[in-house]
Amino acid sequence: MKEIDSYRLGKVQVTISETEKPNRLKVACFDGEYQSEFTVSEYEFKNYRRLMNQRITQAYKNAGESEEEK
């Protein structure tokens, strides 16, 4: 699918691309160790991008902390 946007959140590379479903976008995140993908609506991406980025940053921070505890 076609890539729409790509940017970094600290060490996390975020790529936004189209999906086969109309009005849905795939968000792929990778920090060199952990990879995550989820879908959002175009509306969510446009209007809640800041919140989405905060949640991505926090999720990757928590993933790194839980690995350190092991």
Protein backbone atom coordinates (compact mmCIF):
# COMPACT_ATOMS: atom_id res chain seq x y z
CA MET A 1 0.00 0.00 0.00
CA LYS A 2 1.02 3.60 -0.55
CA GLU A 3 2.95 5.37 2.21
CA ILE A 4 1.29 8.61 3.32
CA ASP A 5 3.67 9.91 5.99
CA SER A 6 6.79 8.91 7.90
CA TYR A 7 8.38 10.54 10.95
CA ARG A 8 10.35 9.84 14.12
CA LEU A 9 9.17 10.03 17.73
CA GLY A 10 12.48 9.94 19.57
CA LYS A 11 13.95 6.55 18.65
CA VAL A 12 10.65 5.21 17.25
CA GLN A 13 10.17 5.34 13.47
CA VAL A 14 6.47 5.79 12.59
CA THR A 15 5.13 5.08 9.09
CA ILE A 16 1.56 5.83 8.01
CA SER A 17 0.21 4.01 4.96
CA GLU A 18 -3.06 3.24 3.22
CA THR A 19 -4.98 0.01 3.80
CA GLU A 20 -7.36 -1.91 1.58
CA LYS A 21 -10.28 -0.60 3.63
CA PRO A 22 -11.51 2.89 2.73
CA ASN A 23 -10.89 5.61 5.32
CA ARG A 24 -8.51 3.38 7.33
CA LEU A 25 -4.77 3.93 7.75
CA LYS A 26 -2.07 1.57 9.02
CA VAL A 27 0.34 2.93 11.62
CA ALA A 28 3.60 0.94 11.79
CA CYS A 29 6.08 1.65 14.59
CA PHE A 30 9.63 0.33 15.02
CA ASP A 31 12.36 1.33 17.47
CA GLY A 32 15.06 -1.07 16.28
CA GLU A 33 13.90 -3.79 18.67
CA TYR A 34 10.10 -3.75 19.00
CA GLN A 35 7.66 -3.54 16.10
CA SER A 36 3.97 -2.67 16.37
CA GLU A 37 1.17 -2.06 13.87
CA PHE A 38 -2.40 -0.85 14.28
CA THR A 39 -5.07 0.84 12.19
CA VAL A 40 -6.83 4.16 12.69
CA SER A 41 -9.46 6.04 10.77
CA GLU A 42 -8.42 9.03 8.68
CA TYR A 43 -10.45 11.20 11.08
CA GLU A 44 -8.55 9.85 14.11
CA PHE A 45 -5.22 10.42 12.39
CA LYS A 46 -6.05 14.01 11.44
CA ASN A 47 -7.74 15.04 14.69
CA TYR A 48 -6.05 12.91 17.35
CA ARG A 49 -2.52 12.61 15.99
CA ARG A 50 -0.95 14.24 19.04
CA LEU A 51 -2.72 11.84 21.41
CA MET A 52 -1.76 8.88 19.21
CA ASN A 53 1.90 9.98 19.26
CA GLN A 54 1.83 10.34 23.06
CA ARG A 55 0.44 6.81 23.39
CA ILE A 56 3.05 5.38 20.99
CA THR A 57 5.86 7.07 22.93
CA GLN A 58 4.51 5.81 26.27
CA ALA A 59 3.98 2.26 24.98
CA TYR A 60 7.56 2.00 23.74
CA LYS A 61 8.86 3.49 26.98
CA ASN A 62 6.88 0.90 28.97
CA ALA A 63 8.10 -1.94 26.73
CA GLY A 64 11.71 -0.98 27.39
CA GLU A 65 11.11 -0.73 31.15
CA SER A 66 9.42 -4.13 31.35
CA GLU A 67 12.39 -5.73 29.57
CA GLU A 68 14.81 -4.14 32.07
CA GLU A 69 12.87 -5.65 34.96
CA LYS A 70 13.38 -9.22 33.69
